[in-house]
Amino acid sequence: MARILYVEDHPPAQYLMDAIISEMTAHELLLASSGAEAEQLAESFPPDLYILDLDLPDTDGLRLAETLRAAHPAPVILVSAYAEAVDEAALDDMHYLAKPLEPDHVADTIRRALAG
C-alpha cells in the first residue's frame, strides 16, 4: 500500500484526486491545504509519494518539494493549472500534471512515480 500526500488548497481538486485514488487499490490519501499542514502530516505519516500543487497559499510547490524531500525522500508529482509557468528544467526528477486533471493520466503518472 502506498501512502500519498496531496497538497492542494482547492476543495474540488481535492475531491477529484480522492475519487481517482479511490479507484486505485491499496493507496491511502492524505490531504493538506497548505505547506505547513503538509510538513506536519509528512512528519507524522511519512508518504511514499507527494503530489503538490505549485500555487499554495503559504509557499510554492517547488520550494515545498525540496523541504519535504529533505526530511522524507519520496517521488514528487507537481500539479498546476498554468502549464506555461512551469520551468521544465526546474522539475529535475519530478513528474508533472497539468490541470484540468484527467483521471486516467493521473493514475498512470502515479503508477510511474511509485515504480521509480
PDB file of N, CA and C in Angstrom:
ATOM      1  N   MET A   1       0.842  -1.183   0.000  1.00  0.00           N
ATOM      2  CA  MET A   1       0.000   0.000   0.000  1.00  0.00           C
ATOM      3  C   MET A   1       0.885   1.243   0.000  1.00  0.00           C
ATOM      4  N   ALA A   2       0.564   2.194  -0.840  1.00  0.00           N
ATOM      5  CA  ALA A   2       1.308   3.451  -0.903  1.00  0.00           C
ATOM      6  C   ALA A   2       0.531   4.537  -0.177  1.00  0.00           C
ATOM      7  N   ARG A   3       1.253   5.320   0.590  1.00  0.00           N
ATOM      8  CA  ARG A   3       0.666   6.493   1.244  1.00  0.00           C
ATOM      9  C   ARG A   3       1.023   7.706   0.375  1.00  0.00           C
ATOM     10  N   ILE A   4      -0.005   8.432  -0.048  1.00  0.00           N
ATOM     11  CA  ILE A   4       0.165   9.576  -0.945  1.00  0.00           C
ATOM     12  C   ILE A   4      -0.291  10.837  -0.229  1.00  0.00           C
ATOM     13  N   LEU A   5       0.593  11.840  -0.203  1.00  0.00           N
ATOM     14  CA  LEU A   5       0.255  13.134   0.387  1.00  0.00           C
ATOM     15  C   LEU A   5      -0.028  14.108  -0.745  1.00  0.00           C
ATOM     16  N   TYR A   6      -1.273  14.580  -0.820  1.00  0.00           N
ATOM     17  CA  TYR A   6      -1.692  15.543  -1.834  1.00  0.00           C
ATOM     18  C   TYR A   6      -1.877  16.899  -1.169  1.00  0.00           C
ATOM     19  N   VAL A   7      -1.147  17.893  -1.653  1.00  0.00           N
ATOM     20  CA  VAL A   7      -1.211  19.237  -1.075  1.00  0.00           C
ATOM     21  C   VAL A   7      -1.877  20.151  -2.096  1.00  0.00           C
ATOM     22  N   GLU A   8      -3.084  20.570  -1.756  1.00  0.00           N
ATOM     23  CA  GLU A   8      -3.929  21.353  -2.674  1.00  0.00           C
ATOM     24  C   GLU A   8      -4.906  22.148  -1.828  1.00  0.00           C
ATOM     25  N   ASP A   9      -5.032  23.450  -2.108  1.00  0.00           N
ATOM     26  CA  ASP A   9      -5.931  24.283  -1.310  1.00  0.00           C
ATOM     27  C   ASP A   9      -7.308  24.467  -1.944  1.00  0.00           C
ATOM     28  N   HIS A  10      -7.544  23.862  -3.073  1.00  0.00           N
ATOM     29  CA  HIS A  10      -8.814  23.997  -3.790  1.00  0.00           C
ATOM     30  C   HIS A  10      -9.659  22.726  -3.561  1.00  0.00           C
ATOM     31  N   PRO A  11     -10.736  22.801  -2.765  1.00  0.00           N
ATOM     32  CA  PRO A  11     -11.515  21.597  -2.428  1.00  0.00           C
ATOM     33  C   PRO A  11     -11.992  20.768  -3.627  1.00  0.00           C
ATOM     34  N   PRO A  12     -12.474  21.354  -4.727  1.00  0.00           N
ATOM     35  CA  PRO A  12     -12.886  20.489  -5.848  1.00  0.00           C
ATOM     36  C   PRO A  12     -11.735  19.636  -6.399  1.00  0.00           C
ATOM     37  N   ALA A  13     -10.528  20.188  -6.409  1.00  0.00           N
ATOM     38  CA  ALA A  13      -9.376  19.405  -6.865  1.00  0.00           C
ATOM     39  C   ALA A  13      -9.062  18.290  -5.868  1.00  0.00           C
ATOM     40  N   GLN A  14      -9.223  18.577  -4.582  1.00  0.00           N
ATOM     41  CA  GLN A  14      -9.020  17.535  -3.562  1.00  0.00           C
ATOM     42  C   GLN A  14     -10.014  16.390  -3.755  1.00  0.00           C
ATOM     43  N   TYR A  15     -11.277  16.729  -4.007  1.00  0.00           N
ATOM     44  CA  TYR A  15     -12.308  15.707  -4.194  1.00  0.00           C
ATOM     45  C   TYR A  15     -12.012  14.854  -5.425  1.00  0.00           C
ATOM     46  N   LEU A  16     -11.572  15.505  -6.499  1.00  0.00           N
ATOM     47  CA  LEU A  16     -11.257  14.765  -7.719  1.00  0.00           C
ATOM     48  C   LEU A  16     -10.107  13.793  -7.481  1.00  0.00           C
ATOM     49  N   MET A  17      -9.043  14.262  -6.832  1.00  0.00           N
ATOM     50  CA  MET A  17      -7.898  13.381  -6.565  1.00  0.00           C
ATOM     51  C   MET A  17      -8.321  12.234  -5.653  1.00  0.00           C
ATOM     52  N   ASP A  18      -9.144  12.517  -4.664  1.00  0.00           N
ATOM     53  CA  ASP A  18      -9.643  11.463  -3.778  1.00  0.00           C
ATOM     54  C   ASP A  18     -10.403  10.414  -4.577  1.00  0.00           C
ATOM     55  N   ALA A  19     -11.241  10.844  -5.519  1.00  0.00           N
ATOM     56  CA  ALA A  19     -12.004   9.907  -6.351  1.00  0.00           C
ATOM     57  C   ALA A  19     -11.078   9.074  -7.234  1.00  0.00           C
ATOM     58  N   ILE A  20     -10.056   9.698  -7.801  1.00  0.00           N
ATOM     59  CA  ILE A  20      -9.114   8.976  -8.666  1.00  0.00           C
ATOM     60  C   ILE A  20      -8.359   7.926  -7.861  1.00  0.00           C
ATOM     61  N   ILE A  21      -7.845   8.321  -6.709  1.00  0.00           N
ATOM     62  CA  ILE A  21      -7.052   7.391  -5.903  1.00  0.00           C
ATOM     63  C   ILE A  21      -7.929   6.317  -5.284  1.00  0.00           C
ATOM     64  N   SER A  22      -9.184   6.612  -5.011  1.00  0.00           N
ATOM     65  CA  SER A  22     -10.113   5.595  -4.501  1.00  0.00           C
ATOM     66  C   SER A  22     -10.294   4.456  -5.501  1.00  0.00           C
ATOM     67  N   GLU A  23     -10.224   4.806  -6.770  1.00  0.00           N
ATOM     68  CA  GLU A  23     -10.362   3.789  -7.824  1.00  0.00           C
ATOM     69  C   GLU A  23      -9.130   2.898  -7.918  1.00  0.00           C
ATOM     70  N   MET A  24      -8.004   3.409  -7.490  1.00  0.00           N
ATOM     71  CA  MET A  24      -6.762   2.638  -7.488  1.00  0.00           C
ATOM     72  C   MET A  24      -6.727   1.846  -6.185  1.00  0.00           C
ATOM     73  N   THR A  25      -6.364   0.618  -6.213  1.00  0.00           N
ATOM     74  CA  THR A  25      -6.366  -0.183  -4.991  1.00  0.00           C
ATOM     75  C   THR A  25      -5.083   0.024  -4.193  1.00  0.00           C
ATOM     76  N   ALA A  26      -5.189  -0.183  -2.922  1.00  0.00           N
ATOM     77  CA  ALA A  26      -4.052  -0.212  -1.999  1.00  0.00           C
ATOM     78  C   ALA A  26      -3.308   1.109  -1.867  1.00  0.00           C
ATOM     79  N   HIS A  27      -4.005   2.220  -1.960  1.00  0.00           N
ATOM     80  CA  HIS A  27      -3.370   3.516  -1.728  1.00  0.00           C
ATOM     81  C   HIS A  27      -4.149   4.274  -0.660  1.00  0.00           C
ATOM     82  N   GLU A  28      -3.407   4.958   0.196  1.00  0.00           N
ATOM     83  CA  GLU A  28      -4.001   5.804   1.226  1.00  0.00           C
ATOM     84  C   GLU A  28      -3.702   7.249   0.863  1.00  0.00           C
ATOM     85  N   LEU A  29      -4.710   8.098   0.861  1.00  0.00           N
ATOM     86  CA  LEU A  29      -4.545   9.501   0.509  1.00  0.00           C
ATOM     87  C   LEU A  29      -4.610  10.369   1.758  1.00  0.00           C
ATOM     88  N   LEU A  30      -3.592  11.197   1.934  1.00  0.00           N
ATOM     89  CA  LEU A  30      -3.582  12.217   2.970  1.00  0.00           C
ATOM     90  C   LEU A  30      -3.737  13.558   2.273  1.00  0.00           C
ATOM     91  N   LEU A  31      -4.593  14.427   2.791  1.00  0.00           N
ATOM     92  CA  LEU A  31      -4.837  15.729   2.179  1.00  0.00           C
ATOM     93  C   LEU A  31      -4.346  16.853   3.074  1.00  0.00           C
ATOM     94  N   ALA A  32      -3.672  17.824   2.458  1.00  0.00           N
ATOM     95  CA  ALA A  32      -3.245  19.025   3.156  1.00  0.00           C
ATOM     96  C   ALA A  32      -3.603  20.220   2.285  1.00  0.00           C
ATOM     97  N   SER A  33      -3.936  21.339   2.923  1.00  0.00           N
ATOM     98  CA  SER A  33      -4.323  22.544   2.197  1.00  0.00           C
ATOM     99  C   SER A  33      -3.232  23.602   2.155  1.00  0.00           C
ATOM    100  N   SER A  34      -2.114  23.351   2.844  1.00  0.00           N
ATOM    101  CA  SER A  34      -1.020  24.325   2.883  1.00  0.00           C
ATOM    102  C   SER A  34       0.304  23.602   3.064  1.00  0.00           C
ATOM    103  N   GLY A  35       1.373  24.329   2.833  1.00  0.00           N
ATOM    104  CA  GLY A  35       2.695  23.757   3.039  1.00  0.00           C
ATOM    105  C   GLY A  35       2.933  23.392   4.487  1.00  0.00           C
ATOM    106  N   ALA A  36       2.510  24.254   5.398  1.00  0.00           N
ATOM    107  CA  ALA A  36       2.698  23.990   6.824  1.00  0.00           C
ATOM    108  C   ALA A  36       1.967  22.716   7.251  1.00  0.00           C
ATOM    109  N   GLU A  37       0.740  22.561   6.782  1.00  0.00           N
ATOM    110  CA  GLU A  37      -0.031  21.353   7.102  1.00  0.00           C
ATOM    111  C   GLU A  37       0.635  20.124   6.493  1.00  0.00           C
ATOM    112  N   ALA A  38       1.167  20.263   5.286  1.00  0.00           N
ATOM    113  CA  ALA A  38       1.846  19.145   4.626  1.00  0.00           C
ATOM    114  C   ALA A  38       3.073  18.699   5.415  1.00  0.00           C
ATOM    115  N   GLU A  39       3.832  19.662   5.909  1.00  0.00           N
ATOM    116  CA  GLU A  39       5.025  19.321   6.686  1.00  0.00           C
ATOM    117  C   GLU A  39       4.655  18.544   7.950  1.00  0.00           C
ATOM    118  N   GLN A  40       3.572  18.951   8.619  1.00  0.00           N
ATOM    119  CA  GLN A  40       3.127  18.251   9.825  1.00  0.00           C
ATOM    120  C   GLN A  40       2.675  16.831   9.494  1.00  0.00           C
ATOM    121  N   LEU A  41       1.889  16.691   8.425  1.00  0.00           N
ATOM    122  CA  LEU A  41       1.427  15.357   8.039  1.00  0.00           C
ATOM    123  C   LEU A  41       2.589  14.452   7.649  1.00  0.00           C
ATOM    124  N   ALA A  42       3.530  14.988   6.866  1.00  0.00           N
ATOM    125  CA  ALA A  42       4.673  14.185   6.425  1.00  0.00           C
ATOM    126  C   ALA A  42       5.521  13.735   7.608  1.00  0.00           C
ATOM    127  N   GLU A  43       5.603  14.563   8.627  1.00  0.00           N
ATOM    128  CA  GLU A  43       6.362  14.192   9.824  1.00  0.00           C
ATOM    129  C   GLU A  43       5.670  13.048  10.570  1.00  0.00           C
ATOM    130  N   SER A  44       4.361  13.122  10.680  1.00  0.00           N
ATOM    131  CA  SER A  44       3.606  12.098  11.412  1.00  0.00           C
ATOM    132  C   SER A  44       3.382  10.826  10.600  1.00  0.00           C
ATOM    133  N   PHE A  45       3.180  10.991   9.291  1.00  0.00           N
ATOM    134  CA  PHE A  45       2.856   9.868   8.411  1.00  0.00           C
ATOM    135  C   PHE A  45       3.694   9.980   7.139  1.00  0.00           C
ATOM    136  N   PRO A  46       4.977   9.595   7.179  1.00  0.00           N
ATOM    137  CA  PRO A  46       5.833   9.763   6.007  1.00  0.00           C
ATOM    138  C   PRO A  46       5.225   9.105   4.761  1.00  0.00           C
ATOM    139  N   PRO A  47       5.071   9.884   3.690  1.00  0.00           N
ATOM    140  CA  PRO A  47       4.432   9.353   2.485  1.00  0.00           C
ATOM    141  C   PRO A  47       5.410   8.634   1.552  1.00  0.00           C
ATOM    142  N   ASP A  48       4.824   7.847   0.667  1.00  0.00           N
ATOM    143  CA  ASP A  48       5.578   7.178  -0.392  1.00  0.00           C
ATOM    144  C   ASP A  48       5.596   8.017  -1.658  1.00  0.00           C
ATOM    145  N   LEU A  49       4.714   9.027  -1.727  1.00  0.00           N
ATOM    146  CA  LEU A  49       4.594   9.893  -2.891  1.00  0.00           C
ATOM    147  C   LEU A  49       3.992  11.219  -2.462  1.00  0.00           C
ATOM    148  N   TYR A  50       4.549  12.306  -3.013  1.00  0.00           N
ATOM    149  CA  TYR A  50       3.985  13.638  -2.820  1.00  0.00           C
ATOM    150  C   TYR A  50       3.332  14.080  -4.122  1.00  0.00           C
ATOM    151  N   ILE A  51       2.137  14.645  -4.036  1.00  0.00           N
ATOM    152  CA  ILE A  51       1.504  15.323  -5.164  1.00  0.00           C
ATOM    153  C   ILE A  51       1.253  16.746  -4.674  1.00  0.00           C
ATOM    154  N   LEU A  52       1.921  17.711  -5.312  1.00  0.00           N
ATOM    155  CA  LEU A  52       1.929  19.079  -4.804  1.00  0.00           C
ATOM    156  C   LEU A  52       1.444  20.063  -5.852  1.00  0.00           C
ATOM    157  N   ASP A  53       0.481  20.871  -5.465  1.00  0.00           N
ATOM    158  CA  ASP A  53       0.070  21.968  -6.327  1.00  0.00           C
ATOM    159  C   ASP A  53       1.186  23.010  -6.304  1.00  0.00           C
ATOM    160  N   LEU A  54       1.452  23.628  -7.439  1.00  0.00           N
ATOM    161  CA  LEU A  54       2.508  24.636  -7.492  1.00  0.00           C
ATOM    162  C   LEU A  54       2.126  25.937  -6.803  1.00  0.00           C
ATOM    163  N   ASP A  55       0.851  26.251  -6.761  1.00  0.00           N
ATOM    164  CA  ASP A  55       0.389  27.532  -6.225  1.00  0.00           C
ATOM    165  C   ASP A  55      -0.377  27.300  -4.925  1.00  0.00           C
ATOM    166  N   LEU A  56       0.346  27.396  -3.805  1.00  0.00           N
ATOM    167  CA  LEU A  56      -0.254  27.180  -2.486  1.00  0.00           C
ATOM    168  C   LEU A  56      -0.311  28.499  -1.730  1.00  0.00           C
ATOM    169  N   PRO A  57      -1.190  28.602  -0.732  1.00  0.00           N
ATOM    170  CA  PRO A  57      -1.350  29.882  -0.036  1.00  0.00           C
ATOM    171  C   PRO A  57      -0.109  30.343   0.730  1.00  0.00           C
ATOM    172  N   ASP A  58       0.722  29.416   1.210  1.00  0.00           N
ATOM    173  CA  ASP A  58       1.857  29.809   2.045  1.00  0.00           C
ATOM    174  C   ASP A  58       3.226  29.497   1.438  1.00  0.00           C
ATOM    175  N   THR A  59       3.256  28.883   0.261  1.00  0.00           N
ATOM    176  CA  THR A  59       4.526  28.542  -0.385  1.00  0.00           C
ATOM    177  C   THR A  59       4.233  28.117  -1.816  1.00  0.00           C
ATOM    178  N   ASP A  60       5.292  27.812  -2.557  1.00  0.00           N
ATOM    179  CA  ASP A  60       5.058  27.239  -3.880  1.00  0.00           C
ATOM    180  C   ASP A  60       5.494  25.780  -3.852  1.00  0.00           C
ATOM    181  N   GLY A  61       4.956  25.009  -4.773  1.00  0.00           N
ATOM    182  CA  GLY A  61       5.171  23.566  -4.785  1.00  0.00           C
ATOM    183  C   GLY A  61       6.622  23.149  -4.920  1.00  0.00           C
ATOM    184  N   LEU A  62       7.417  23.879  -5.707  1.00  0.00           N
ATOM    185  CA  LEU A  62       8.830  23.519  -5.863  1.00  0.00           C
ATOM    186  C   LEU A  62       9.585  23.679  -4.550  1.00  0.00           C
ATOM    187  N   ARG A  63       9.353  24.780  -3.868  1.00  0.00           N
ATOM    188  CA  ARG A  63      10.009  25.006  -2.577  1.00  0.00           C
ATOM    189  C   ARG A  63       9.560  23.955  -1.566  1.00  0.00           C
ATOM    190  N   LEU A  64       8.260  23.665  -1.559  1.00  0.00           N
ATOM    191  CA  LEU A  64       7.735  22.661  -0.636  1.00  0.00           C
ATOM    192  C   LEU A  64       8.312  21.277  -0.941  1.00  0.00           C
ATOM    193  N   ALA A  65       8.462  20.951  -2.220  1.00  0.00           N
ATOM    194  CA  ALA A  65       9.051  19.660  -2.603  1.00  0.00           C
ATOM    195  C   ALA A  65      10.441  19.507  -2.001  1.00  0.00           C
ATOM    196  N   GLU A  66      11.255  20.539  -2.081  1.00  0.00           N
ATOM    197  CA  GLU A  66      12.602  20.491  -1.508  1.00  0.00           C
ATOM    198  C   GLU A  66      12.551  20.257  -0.009  1.00  0.00           C
ATOM    199  N   THR A  67      11.682  20.991   0.668  1.00  0.00           N
ATOM    200  CA  THR A  67      11.565  20.876   2.122  1.00  0.00           C
ATOM    201  C   THR A  67      11.107  19.482   2.536  1.00  0.00           C
ATOM    202  N   LEU A  68      10.052  18.991   1.895  1.00  0.00           N
ATOM    203  CA  LEU A  68       9.507  17.683   2.251  1.00  0.00           C
ATOM    204  C   LEU A  68      10.499  16.564   1.954  1.00  0.00           C
ATOM    205  N   ARG A  69      11.106  16.609   0.779  1.00  0.00           N
ATOM    206  CA  ARG A  69      12.032  15.536   0.401  1.00  0.00           C
ATOM    207  C   ARG A  69      13.303  15.542   1.228  1.00  0.00           C
ATOM    208  N   ALA A  70      13.689  16.696   1.774  1.00  0.00           N
ATOM    209  CA  ALA A  70      14.867  16.739   2.637  1.00  0.00           C
ATOM    210  C   ALA A  70      14.626  15.937   3.916  1.00  0.00           C
ATOM    211  N   ALA A  71      13.404  15.980   4.415  1.00  0.00           N
ATOM    212  CA  ALA A  71      13.062  15.261   5.646  1.00  0.00           C
ATOM    213  C   ALA A  71      12.630  13.825   5.379  1.00  0.00           C
ATOM    214  N   HIS A  72      11.869  13.619   4.308  1.00  0.00           N
ATOM    215  CA  HIS A  72      11.315  12.296   3.987  1.00  0.00           C
ATOM    216  C   HIS A  72      11.358  12.103   2.469  1.00  0.00           C
ATOM    217  N   PRO A  73      12.453  11.562   1.947  1.00  0.00           N
ATOM    218  CA  PRO A  73      12.579  11.401   0.494  1.00  0.00           C
ATOM    219  C   PRO A  73      11.465  10.534  -0.090  1.00  0.00           C
ATOM    220  N   ALA A  74      10.873  11.021  -1.179  1.00  0.00           N
ATOM    221  CA  ALA A  74       9.829  10.296  -1.909  1.00  0.00           C
ATOM    222  C   ALA A  74       9.668  10.972  -3.267  1.00  0.00           C
ATOM    223  N   PRO A  75       9.146  10.249  -4.245  1.00  0.00           N
ATOM    224  CA  PRO A  75       8.898  10.867  -5.548  1.00  0.00           C
ATOM    225  C   PRO A  75       7.884  12.004  -5.427  1.00  0.00           C
ATOM    226  N   VAL A  76       7.953  12.929  -6.394  1.00  0.00           N
ATOM    227  CA  VAL A  76       7.078  14.103  -6.399  1.00  0.00           C
ATOM    228  C   VAL A  76       6.384  14.228  -7.746  1.00  0.00           C
ATOM    229  N   ILE A  77       5.085  14.528  -7.679  1.00  0.00           N
ATOM    230  CA  ILE A  77       4.314  14.934  -8.849  1.00  0.00           C
ATOM    231  C   ILE A  77       3.857  16.363  -8.574  1.00  0.00           C
ATOM    232  N   LEU A  78       4.220  17.286  -9.461  1.00  0.00           N
ATOM    233  CA  LEU A  78       3.769  18.662  -9.346  1.00  0.00           C
ATOM    234  C   LEU A  78       2.546  18.860 -10.220  1.00  0.00           C
ATOM    235  N   VAL A  79       1.603  19.675  -9.742  1.00  0.00           N
ATOM    236  CA  VAL A  79       0.349  19.924 -10.450  1.00  0.00           C
ATOM    237  C   VAL A  79       0.171  21.433 -10.600  1.00  0.00           C
ATOM    238  N   SER A  80      -0.256  21.861 -11.800  1.00  0.00           N
ATOM    239  CA  SER A  80      -0.503  23.284 -11.999  1.00  0.00           C
ATOM    240  C   SER A  80      -1.524  23.507 -13.094  1.00  0.00           C
ATOM    241  N   ALA A  81      -2.306  24.552 -12.930  1.00  0.00           N
ATOM    242  CA  ALA A  81      -3.241  24.976 -13.973  1.00  0.00           C
ATOM    243  C   ALA A  81      -2.541  25.863 -14.980  1.00  0.00           C
ATOM    244  N   TYR A  82      -1.324  26.280 -14.673  1.00  0.00           N
ATOM    245  CA  TYR A  82      -0.591  27.213 -15.521  1.00  0.00           C
ATOM    246  C   TYR A  82       0.632  26.532 -16.120  1.00  0.00           C
ATOM    247  N   ALA A  83       0.410  25.681 -17.105  1.00  0.00           N
ATOM    248  CA  ALA A  83       1.487  24.899 -17.709  1.00  0.00           C
ATOM    249  C   ALA A  83       2.606  25.775 -18.246  1.00  0.00           C
ATOM    250  N   GLU A  84       2.270  26.932 -18.791  1.00  0.00           N
ATOM    251  CA  GLU A  84       3.298  27.799 -19.365  1.00  0.00           C
ATOM    252  C   GLU A  84       4.204  28.398 -18.300  1.00  0.00           C
ATOM    253  N   ALA A  85       3.783  28.381 -17.057  1.00  0.00           N
ATOM    254  CA  ALA A  85       4.586  28.948 -15.973  1.00  0.00           C
ATOM    255  C   ALA A  85       5.590  27.946 -15.419  1.00  0.00           C
ATOM    256  N   VAL A  86       5.540  26.706 -15.873  1.00  0.00           N
ATOM    257  CA  VAL A  86       6.402  25.663 -15.331  1.00  0.00           C
ATOM    258  C   VAL A  86       7.720  25.634 -16.100  1.00  0.00           C
ATOM    259  N   ASP A  87       8.806  25.776 -15.374  1.00  0.00           N
ATOM    260  CA  ASP A  87      10.139  25.669 -15.949  1.00  0.00           C
ATOM    261  C   ASP A  87      10.520  24.187 -15.932  1.00  0.00           C
ATOM    262  N   GLU A  88      10.498  23.563 -17.098  1.00  0.00           N
ATOM    263  CA  GLU A  88      10.763  22.124 -17.189  1.00  0.00           C
ATOM    264  C   GLU A  88      12.111  21.748 -16.565  1.00  0.00           C
ATOM    265  N   ALA A  89      13.119  22.605 -16.692  1.00  0.00           N
ATOM    266  CA  ALA A  89      14.434  22.317 -16.126  1.00  0.00           C
ATOM    267  C   ALA A  89      14.383  22.261 -14.600  1.00  0.00           C
ATOM    268  N   ALA A  90      13.495  23.056 -13.998  1.00  0.00           N
ATOM    269  CA  ALA A  90      13.383  23.082 -12.538  1.00  0.00           C
ATOM    270  C   ALA A  90      12.743  21.812 -11.983  1.00  0.00           C
ATOM    271  N   LEU A  91      12.060  21.069 -12.844  1.00  0.00           N
ATOM    272  CA  LEU A  91      11.378  19.862 -12.377  1.00  0.00           C
ATOM    273  C   LEU A  91      12.353  18.747 -12.036  1.00  0.00           C
ATOM    274  N   ASP A  92      13.525  18.767 -12.645  1.00  0.00           N
ATOM    275  CA  ASP A  92      14.560  17.778 -12.369  1.00  0.00           C
ATOM    276  C   ASP A  92      13.991  16.365 -12.499  1.00  0.00           C
ATOM    277  N   ASP A  93      13.871  15.639 -11.398  1.00  0.00           N
ATOM    278  CA  ASP A  93      13.385  14.256 -11.442  1.00  0.00           C
ATOM    279  C   ASP A  93      11.916  14.141 -11.047  1.00  0.00           C
ATOM    280  N   MET A  94      11.198  15.270 -11.034  1.00  0.00           N
ATOM    281  CA  MET A  94       9.794  15.261 -10.636  1.00  0.00           C
ATOM    282  C   MET A  94       8.879  15.060 -11.843  1.00  0.00           C
ATOM    283  N   HIS A  95       7.721  14.504 -11.588  1.00  0.00           N
ATOM    284  CA  HIS A  95       6.694  14.344 -12.613  1.00  0.00           C
ATOM    285  C   HIS A  95       5.815  15.587 -12.605  1.00  0.00           C
ATOM    286  N   TYR A  96       5.045  15.779 -13.682  1.00  0.00           N
ATOM    287  CA  TYR A  96       4.215  16.976 -13.791  1.00  0.00           C
ATOM    288  C   TYR A  96       2.851  16.625 -14.371  1.00  0.00           C
ATOM    289  N   LEU A  97       1.802  17.215 -13.791  1.00  0.00           N
ATOM    290  CA  LEU A  97       0.437  17.083 -14.299  1.00  0.00           C
ATOM    291  C   LEU A  97      -0.146  18.479 -14.496  1.00  0.00           C
ATOM    292  N   ALA A  98      -0.777  18.685 -15.647  1.00  0.00           N
ATOM    293  CA  ALA A  98      -1.444  19.961 -15.914  1.00  0.00           C
ATOM    294  C   ALA A  98      -2.928  19.820 -15.609  1.00  0.00           C
ATOM    295  N   LYS A  99      -3.488  20.875 -15.019  1.00  0.00           N
ATOM    296  CA  LYS A  99      -4.929  20.920 -14.792  1.00  0.00           C
ATOM    297  C   LYS A  99      -5.586  21.425 -16.060  1.00  0.00           C
ATOM    298  N   PRO A 100      -6.785  21.025 -16.380  1.00  0.00           N
ATOM    299  CA  PRO A 100      -7.639  20.134 -15.581  1.00  0.00           C
ATOM    300  C   PRO A 100      -7.108  18.699 -15.605  1.00  0.00           C
ATOM    301  N   LEU A 101      -7.244  18.044 -14.472  1.00  0.00           N
ATOM    302  CA  LEU A 101      -6.736  16.684 -14.327  1.00  0.00           C
ATOM    303  C   LEU A 101      -7.609  15.682 -15.063  1.00  0.00           C
ATOM    304  N   GLU A 102      -6.962  14.798 -15.794  1.00  0.00           N
ATOM    305  CA  GLU A 102      -7.649  13.706 -16.486  1.00  0.00           C
ATOM    306  C   GLU A 102      -7.390  12.437 -15.681  1.00  0.00           C
ATOM    307  N   PRO A 103      -8.422  11.796 -15.153  1.00  0.00           N
ATOM    308  CA  PRO A 103      -8.247  10.662 -14.246  1.00  0.00           C
ATOM    309  C   PRO A 103      -7.298   9.574 -14.745  1.00  0.00           C
ATOM    310  N   ASP A 104      -7.419   9.151 -15.988  1.00  0.00           N
ATOM    311  CA  ASP A 104      -6.534   8.089 -16.479  1.00  0.00           C
ATOM    312  C   ASP A 104      -5.079   8.534 -16.501  1.00  0.00           C
ATOM    313  N   HIS A 105      -4.840   9.777 -16.894  1.00  0.00           N
ATOM    314  CA  HIS A 105      -3.471  10.301 -16.936  1.00  0.00           C
ATOM    315  C   HIS A 105      -2.896  10.437 -15.520  1.00  0.00           C
ATOM    316  N   VAL A 106      -3.730  10.875 -14.587  1.00  0.00           N
ATOM    317  CA  VAL A 106      -3.296  10.990 -13.192  1.00  0.00           C
ATOM    318  C   VAL A 106      -2.908   9.610 -12.654  1.00  0.00           C
ATOM    319  N   ALA A 107      -3.758   8.618 -12.863  1.00  0.00           N
ATOM    320  CA  ALA A 107      -3.481   7.263 -12.376  1.00  0.00           C
ATOM    321  C   ALA A 107      -2.191   6.714 -12.986  1.00  0.00           C
ATOM    322  N   ASP A 108      -1.993   6.923 -14.286  1.00  0.00           N
ATOM    323  CA  ASP A 108      -0.766   6.453 -14.944  1.00  0.00           C
ATOM    324  C   ASP A 108       0.468   7.149 -14.374  1.00  0.00           C
ATOM    325  N   THR A 109       0.369   8.442 -14.133  1.00  0.00           N
ATOM    326  CA  THR A 109       1.502   9.200 -13.584  1.00  0.00           C
ATOM    327  C   THR A 109       1.820   8.735 -12.170  1.00  0.00           C
ATOM    328  N   ILE A 110       0.808   8.472 -11.371  1.00  0.00           N
ATOM    329  CA  ILE A 110       1.027   7.950 -10.022  1.00  0.00           C
ATOM    330  C   ILE A 110       1.734   6.605 -10.079  1.00  0.00           C
ATOM    331  N   ARG A 111       1.282   5.716 -10.951  1.00  0.00           N
ATOM    332  CA  ARG A 111       1.915   4.402 -11.080  1.00  0.00           C
ATOM    333  C   ARG A 111       3.381   4.538 -11.495  1.00  0.00           C
ATOM    334  N   ARG A 112       3.673   5.410 -12.468  1.00  0.00           N
ATOM    335  CA  ARG A 112       5.059   5.614 -12.918  1.00  0.00           C
ATOM    336  C   ARG A 112       5.921   6.176 -11.796  1.00  0.00           C
ATOM    337  N   ALA A 113       5.387   7.160 -11.081  1.00  0.00           N
ATOM    338  CA  ALA A 113       6.149   7.772  -9.993  1.00  0.00           C
ATOM    339  C   ALA A 113       6.468   6.767  -8.886  1.00  0.00           C
ATOM    340  N   LEU A 114       5.506   5.939  -8.533  1.00  0.00           N
ATOM    341  CA  LEU A 114       5.714   4.948  -7.483  1.00  0.00           C
ATOM    342  C   LEU A 114       6.653   3.824  -7.926  1.00  0.00           C
ATOM    343  N   ALA A 115       6.669   3.550  -9.226  1.00  0.00           N
ATOM    344  CA  ALA A 115       7.536   2.483  -9.761  1.00  0.00           C
ATOM    345  C   ALA A 115       9.001   2.923  -9.797  1.00  0.00           C
ATOM    346  N   GLY A 116       9.226   4.222  -9.699  1.00  0.00           N
ATOM    347  CA  GLY A 116      10.589   4.719  -9.671  1.00  0.00           C
ATOM    348  C   GLY A 116      11.035   5.137 -10.998  1.00  0.00           C
TER     349      GLY A 116
END
